[in-house]
Amino acid sequence: MSYLKGVDTVMANLNKEIQAIEGRSMKGLIESANLIRYSMDKDEPKIPVDTDNLRGSWFANPMRLLSKMFVRMGFTANYAAYVHEMIGPTKTGKKINWNRTGSGPKFFEASIKRNKEKILKTIRDSARIK
């Protein structure tokens, strides 16, 4: 049986770097969730604000399921989906009064779409071997 010198060290270093990449990947996912949240507050359509409950109910939870890493994000306010989808007049025909200038429907979806390239770059740059 032949033994290759240094293989154990190489494998240990490789495994260490894989673990580091996973940690940096999660960091990139968290940074991307923060980017989405920041964009919903600064770019139109912004998060609608009435009592500030919806805006304050934002969450981003880093998670791992089996070998997959992800960040679960959204709003805990029970009416968040309803407000997000409020396109056009109300059921009674009234125009929607968006109290916050620049706010409107699809604020979460729009933030993800307009930041797609930044999100991918953030994750890619975080996961890069260093």
C-alpha atoms as a PDB file:
ATOM      1  CA  MET A   1       0.000   0.000   0.000  1.00  0.00           C
ATOM      2  CA  SER A   2       1.405   3.357  -0.987  1.00  0.00           C
ATOM      3  CA  TYR A   3       0.920   6.500   1.016  1.00  0.00           C
ATOM      4  CA  LEU A   4       1.065   9.935  -0.561  1.00  0.00           C
ATOM      5  CA  LYS A   5       2.812  12.396   1.685  1.00  0.00           C
ATOM      6  CA  GLY A   6       0.894  15.574   2.455  1.00  0.00           C
ATOM      7  CA  VAL A   7      -2.537  14.358   1.258  1.00  0.00           C
ATOM      8  CA  ASP A   8      -3.972  14.582   4.767  1.00  0.00           C
ATOM      9  CA  THR A   9      -2.804  18.181   5.078  1.00  0.00           C
ATOM     10  CA  VAL A  10      -4.162  19.121   1.643  1.00  0.00           C
ATOM     11  CA  MET A  11      -7.527  17.505   2.423  1.00  0.00           C
ATOM     12  CA  ALA A  12      -7.726  19.223   5.813  1.00  0.00           C
ATOM     13  CA  ASN A  13      -6.982  22.600   4.208  1.00  0.00           C
ATOM     14  CA  LEU A  14      -9.527  21.929   1.444  1.00  0.00           C
ATOM     15  CA  ASN A  15     -12.233  21.006   3.959  1.00  0.00           C
ATOM     16  CA  LYS A  16     -11.402  24.105   5.998  1.00  0.00           C
ATOM     17  CA  GLU A  17     -11.785  26.307   2.897  1.00  0.00           C
ATOM     18  CA  ILE A  18     -15.112  24.639   1.983  1.00  0.00           C
ATOM     19  CA  GLN A  19     -16.416  25.436   5.473  1.00  0.00           C
ATOM     20  CA  ALA A  20     -15.213  29.021   5.097  1.00  0.00           C
ATOM     21  CA  ILE A  21     -16.955  29.343   1.708  1.00  0.00           C
ATOM     22  CA  GLU A  22     -20.198  28.129   3.278  1.00  0.00           C
ATOM     23  CA  GLY A  23     -19.866  30.717   6.046  1.00  0.00           C
ATOM     24  CA  ARG A  24     -19.127  33.481   3.545  1.00  0.00           C
ATOM     25  CA  SER A  25     -22.058  32.323   1.395  1.00  0.00           C
ATOM     26  CA  MET A  26     -24.435  32.724   4.335  1.00  0.00           C
ATOM     27  CA  LYS A  27     -22.934  36.156   4.982  1.00  0.00           C
ATOM     28  CA  GLY A  28     -23.683  37.058   1.351  1.00  0.00           C
ATOM     29  CA  LEU A  29     -27.271  35.846   1.703  1.00  0.00           C
ATOM     30  CA  ILE A  30     -27.764  37.969   4.833  1.00  0.00           C
ATOM     31  CA  GLU A  31     -26.185  41.007   3.166  1.00  0.00           C
ATOM     32  CA  SER A  32     -28.527  40.496   0.187  1.00  0.00           C
ATOM     33  CA  ALA A  33     -31.572  40.409   2.469  1.00  0.00           C
ATOM     34  CA  ASN A  34     -30.373  43.679   4.015  1.00  0.00           C
ATOM     35  CA  LEU A  35     -29.955  45.176   0.543  1.00  0.00           C
ATOM     36  CA  ILE A  36     -33.548  44.218  -0.348  1.00  0.00           C
ATOM     37  CA  ARG A  37     -34.870  45.752   2.876  1.00  0.00           C
ATOM     38  CA  TYR A  38     -32.898  48.962   2.420  1.00  0.00           C
ATOM     39  CA  SER A  39     -34.117  49.291  -1.176  1.00  0.00           C
ATOM     40  CA  MET A  40     -37.770  48.897  -0.109  1.00  0.00           C
ATOM     41  CA  ASP A  41     -37.300  51.916   2.148  1.00  0.00           C
ATOM     42  CA  LYS A  42     -35.391  54.129  -0.292  1.00  0.00           C
ATOM     43  CA  ASP A  43     -36.514  53.258  -3.841  1.00  0.00           C
ATOM     44  CA  GLU A  44     -39.997  53.373  -5.354  1.00  0.00           C
ATOM     45  CA  PRO A  45     -42.278  51.669  -4.791  1.00  0.00           C
ATOM     46  CA  LYS A  46     -41.463  52.013  -1.102  1.00  0.00           C
ATOM     47  CA  ILE A  47     -43.005  50.093   1.774  1.00  0.00           C
ATOM     48  CA  PRO A  48     -46.331  51.782   2.567  1.00  0.00           C
ATOM     49  CA  VAL A  49     -46.445  53.366   6.002  1.00  0.00           C
ATOM     50  CA  ASP A  50     -49.588  54.117   7.973  1.00  0.00           C
ATOM     51  CA  THR A  51     -48.837  53.122  11.563  1.00  0.00           C
ATOM     52  CA  ASP A  52     -45.327  51.766  10.736  1.00  0.00           C
ATOM     53  CA  ASN A  53     -46.424  48.267  11.798  1.00  0.00           C
ATOM     54  CA  LEU A  54     -45.935  46.747   8.328  1.00  0.00           C
ATOM     55  CA  ARG A  55     -42.521  48.302   7.888  1.00  0.00           C
ATOM     56  CA  GLY A  56     -41.469  47.214  11.363  1.00  0.00           C
ATOM     57  CA  SER A  57     -42.621  43.637  10.832  1.00  0.00           C
ATOM     58  CA  TRP A  58     -39.816  42.841   8.346  1.00  0.00           C
ATOM     59  CA  PHE A  59     -37.759  39.765   9.173  1.00  0.00           C
ATOM     60  CA  ALA A  60     -34.819  37.925   7.623  1.00  0.00           C
ATOM     61  CA  ASN A  61     -33.898  34.566   9.145  1.00  0.00           C
ATOM     62  CA  PRO A  62     -30.788  32.713   7.958  1.00  0.00           C
ATOM     63  CA  MET A  63     -31.545  29.005   7.752  1.00  0.00           C
ATOM     64  CA  ARG A  64     -30.014  25.712   6.760  1.00  0.00           C
ATOM     65  CA  LEU A  65     -32.025  22.721   5.610  1.00  0.00           C
ATOM     66  CA  LEU A  66     -29.964  19.631   4.959  1.00  0.00           C
ATOM     67  CA  SER A  67     -27.142  20.946   2.749  1.00  0.00           C
ATOM     68  CA  LYS A  68     -28.999  24.040   1.528  1.00  0.00           C
ATOM     69  CA  MET A  69     -28.495  27.531   2.946  1.00  0.00           C
ATOM     70  CA  PHE A  70     -31.075  30.245   2.519  1.00  0.00           C
ATOM     71  CA  VAL A  71     -32.556  33.314   4.132  1.00  0.00           C
ATOM     72  CA  ARG A  72     -36.293  33.319   4.790  1.00  0.00           C
ATOM     73  CA  MET A  73     -37.546  36.884   4.630  1.00  0.00           C
ATOM     74  CA  GLY A  74     -40.792  38.781   4.567  1.00  0.00           C
ATOM     75  CA  PHE A  75     -43.217  40.574   6.838  1.00  0.00           C
ATOM     76  CA  THR A  76     -45.025  39.235   9.882  1.00  0.00           C
ATOM     77  CA  ALA A  77     -47.895  41.738   9.722  1.00  0.00           C
ATOM     78  CA  ASN A  78     -50.961  39.648   8.881  1.00  0.00           C
ATOM     79  CA  TYR A  79     -52.045  42.105   6.159  1.00  0.00           C
ATOM     80  CA  ALA A  80     -48.661  42.348   4.390  1.00  0.00           C
ATOM     81  CA  ALA A  81     -49.661  40.232   1.376  1.00  0.00           C
ATOM     82  CA  TYR A  82     -52.917  42.154   0.984  1.00  0.00           C
ATOM     83  CA  VAL A  83     -51.130  45.532   0.924  1.00  0.00           C
ATOM     84  CA  HIS A  84     -48.407  44.187  -1.369  1.00  0.00           C
ATOM     85  CA  GLU A  85     -51.033  43.138  -3.929  1.00  0.00           C
ATOM     86  CA  MET A  86     -53.219  46.301  -3.755  1.00  0.00           C
ATOM     87  CA  ILE A  87     -53.192  47.176  -7.445  1.00  0.00           C
ATOM     88  CA  GLY A  88     -55.819  49.562  -8.775  1.00  0.00           C
ATOM     89  CA  PRO A  89     -58.838  50.916  -6.897  1.00  0.00           C
ATOM     90  CA  THR A  90     -60.304  49.274  -3.785  1.00  0.00           C
ATOM     91  CA  LYS A  91     -63.297  46.931  -4.028  1.00  0.00           C
ATOM     92  CA  THR A  92     -65.557  49.902  -3.359  1.00  0.00           C
ATOM     93  CA  GLY A  93     -63.991  51.781  -6.282  1.00  0.00           C
ATOM     94  CA  LYS A  94     -62.051  54.253  -4.152  1.00  0.00           C
ATOM     95  CA  LYS A  95     -58.541  55.244  -5.141  1.00  0.00           C
ATOM     96  CA  ILE A  96     -55.939  53.844  -2.730  1.00  0.00           C
ATOM     97  CA  ASN A  97     -54.477  56.530  -0.503  1.00  0.00           C
ATOM     98  CA  TRP A  98     -50.816  55.687  -0.169  1.00  0.00           C
ATOM     99  CA  ASN A  99     -49.829  57.804   2.853  1.00  0.00           C
ATOM    100  CA  ARG A 100     -46.101  57.673   2.168  1.00  0.00           C
ATOM    101  CA  THR A 101     -44.782  59.477  -0.884  1.00  0.00           C
ATOM    102  CA  GLY A 102     -43.396  56.967  -3.370  1.00  0.00           C
ATOM    103  CA  SER A 103     -45.011  53.956  -1.718  1.00  0.00           C
ATOM    104  CA  GLY A 104     -47.211  51.510  -3.528  1.00  0.00           C
ATOM    105  CA  PRO A 105     -47.991  47.909  -4.357  1.00  0.00           C
ATOM    106  CA  LYS A 106     -45.425  45.229  -5.198  1.00  0.00           C
ATOM    107  CA  PHE A 107     -42.750  46.926  -3.058  1.00  0.00           C
ATOM    108  CA  PHE A 108     -41.104  43.623  -2.068  1.00  0.00           C
ATOM    109  CA  GLU A 109     -41.200  42.088  -5.543  1.00  0.00           C
ATOM    110  CA  ALA A 110     -39.913  45.311  -7.146  1.00  0.00           C
ATOM    111  CA  SER A 111     -36.984  45.492  -4.727  1.00  0.00           C
ATOM    112  CA  ILE A 112     -35.889  41.956  -5.590  1.00  0.00           C
ATOM    113  CA  LYS A 113     -36.241  42.561  -9.336  1.00  0.00           C
ATOM    114  CA  ARG A 114     -34.366  45.865  -9.425  1.00  0.00           C
ATOM    115  CA  ASN A 115     -31.540  44.488  -7.257  1.00  0.00           C
ATOM    116  CA  LYS A 116     -31.153  41.076  -8.911  1.00  0.00           C
ATOM    117  CA  GLU A 117     -27.649  41.755 -10.247  1.00  0.00           C
ATOM    118  CA  LYS A 118     -26.472  43.331  -6.960  1.00  0.00           C
ATOM    119  CA  ILE A 119     -27.862  40.364  -5.015  1.00  0.00           C
ATOM    120  CA  LEU A 120     -26.086  37.837  -7.231  1.00  0.00           C
ATOM    121  CA  LYS A 121     -22.832  39.824  -7.079  1.00  0.00           C
ATOM    122  CA  THR A 122     -23.027  40.105  -3.279  1.00  0.00           C
ATOM    123  CA  ILE A 123     -23.481  36.350  -2.880  1.00  0.00           C
ATOM    124  CA  ARG A 124     -20.845  35.519  -5.514  1.00  0.00           C
ATOM    125  CA  ASP A 125     -18.255  37.920  -4.033  1.00  0.00           C
ATOM    126  CA  SER A 126     -18.865  36.620  -0.509  1.00  0.00           C
ATOM    127  CA  ALA A 127     -18.460  32.990  -1.554  1.00  0.00           C
ATOM    128  CA  ARG A 128     -15.312  33.527  -3.595  1.00  0.00           C
ATOM    129  CA  ILE A 129     -12.278  31.558  -2.455  1.00  0.00           C
ATOM    130  CA  LYS A 130      -9.935  33.882  -0.587  1.00  0.00           C
END
